[in-house]
Structure formats: C-alpha cells, structure tokens
Amino acid sequence: MVTIRVPRELREAMRRFADQADWPEFLRGAILRKIRQLELEEASRTADLIRAKTRPGIYDSTETIRGDRGRSA
C-alpha cells in the first residue's frame, strides 16, 4: 500500500471527477510507466558502459553478406 499527499485543491478536483476516472488505477499505471522508463534508461546506460569497454573491430559486413549470397568479395 502506498499513501500520497495531494493539495486540497487537487483532492477536490479528483473528487469532482471521481465518476469519470479510476484514480487508483491511473496512479498504478503512471507508476508502472515510470518504472518501465527507468528500466529502459538503466539498460541503455549498461549497454553504453559495455560498448565503451569494447574495441572497435575491423569487420567488413559486405564480405560476409556477399559470401552468404554465393558471390566472392
């Protein structure tokens, strides 16, 4: 369970629209979206760290593609 404090004006507005919005469901969804965003950012930072530790190679994908197609480079 999570409890949040909102200003009185906001609470009154939420009550006014309570029949049109499921506030607990909305907040659960907003929290889930934020968690997914933060997880993606974390994964991106991790990938950047891994990429920074690797040396750039001298790999020519053209030769591999031509070889797979049965042509010589």
Protein backbone atom coordinates (compact mmCIF):
# COMPACT_ATOMS: atom_id res chain seq x y z
CA MET A 1 0.00 0.00 0.00
CA VAL A 2 1.22 3.49 -0.86
CA THR A 3 -0.16 6.70 0.57
CA ILE A 4 0.35 10.07 -1.10
CA ARG A 5 -0.50 13.58 -0.03
CA VAL A 6 -2.06 15.93 -2.53
CA PRO A 7 -3.01 19.57 -2.10
CA ARG A 8 -6.60 20.21 -1.07
CA GLU A 9 -7.50 21.78 -4.43
CA LEU A 10 -6.24 18.74 -6.30
CA ARG A 11 -8.08 16.37 -3.96
CA GLU A 12 -11.32 18.33 -4.52
CA ALA A 13 -10.84 18.18 -8.29
CA MET A 14 -10.21 14.43 -8.09
CA ARG A 15 -13.44 14.01 -6.12
CA ARG A 16 -15.32 16.12 -8.66
CA PHE A 17 -14.22 13.76 -11.45
CA ALA A 18 -14.30 10.54 -9.43
CA ASP A 19 -17.13 9.17 -11.57
CA GLN A 20 -15.04 9.68 -14.73
CA ALA A 21 -11.65 8.47 -13.54
CA ASP A 22 -10.39 5.47 -11.59
CA TRP A 23 -7.66 7.34 -9.72
CA PRO A 24 -6.02 4.29 -8.09
CA GLU A 25 -5.82 2.53 -11.47
CA PHE A 26 -4.48 5.69 -13.11
CA LEU A 27 -1.77 6.04 -10.46
CA ARG A 28 -0.80 2.37 -10.72
CA GLY A 29 -0.44 2.80 -14.48
CA ALA A 30 1.59 6.00 -14.10
CA ILE A 31 3.93 4.32 -11.62
CA LEU A 32 4.33 1.29 -13.90
CA ARG A 33 5.10 3.52 -16.91
CA LYS A 34 7.73 5.40 -14.91
CA ILE A 35 9.32 2.15 -13.73
CA ARG A 36 9.50 0.84 -17.31
CA GLN A 37 11.04 4.13 -18.47
CA LEU A 38 13.67 3.98 -15.71
CA GLU A 39 14.42 0.32 -16.52
CA LEU A 40 14.97 1.20 -20.19
CA GLU A 41 17.25 4.09 -19.23
CA GLU A 42 19.20 1.78 -16.93
CA ALA A 43 19.54 -0.84 -19.69
CA SER A 44 20.72 1.86 -22.10
CA ARG A 45 23.37 3.05 -19.62
CA THR A 46 24.51 -0.55 -19.13
CA ALA A 47 24.77 -1.07 -22.89
CA ASP A 48 26.75 2.17 -23.21
CA LEU A 49 29.18 1.02 -20.49
CA ILE A 50 29.67 -2.34 -22.21
CA ARG A 51 30.12 -0.66 -25.58
CA ALA A 52 32.70 1.73 -24.11
CA LYS A 53 34.79 -1.23 -22.88
CA THR A 54 34.96 -2.95 -26.27
CA ARG A 55 37.45 -2.12 -29.00
CA PRO A 56 36.17 -1.21 -32.42
CA GLY A 57 36.87 -4.06 -34.81
CA ILE A 58 37.85 -4.20 -38.45
CA TYR A 59 34.84 -6.16 -39.56
CA ASP A 60 33.54 -5.70 -43.08
CA SER A 61 29.97 -6.95 -43.22
CA THR A 62 29.95 -6.61 -47.01
CA GLU A 63 32.26 -9.59 -47.40
CA THR A 64 30.09 -11.72 -45.15
CA ILE A 65 26.91 -10.75 -46.96
CA ARG A 66 28.42 -11.42 -50.39
CA GLY A 67 29.78 -14.74 -49.15
CA ASP A 68 26.35 -15.72 -47.87
CA ARG A 69 24.87 -14.83 -51.25
CA GLY A 70 27.39 -17.01 -53.03
CA ARG A 71 29.41 -14.15 -54.55
CA SER A 72 33.05 -13.54 -53.99
CA ALA A 73 34.23 -10.30 -52.42
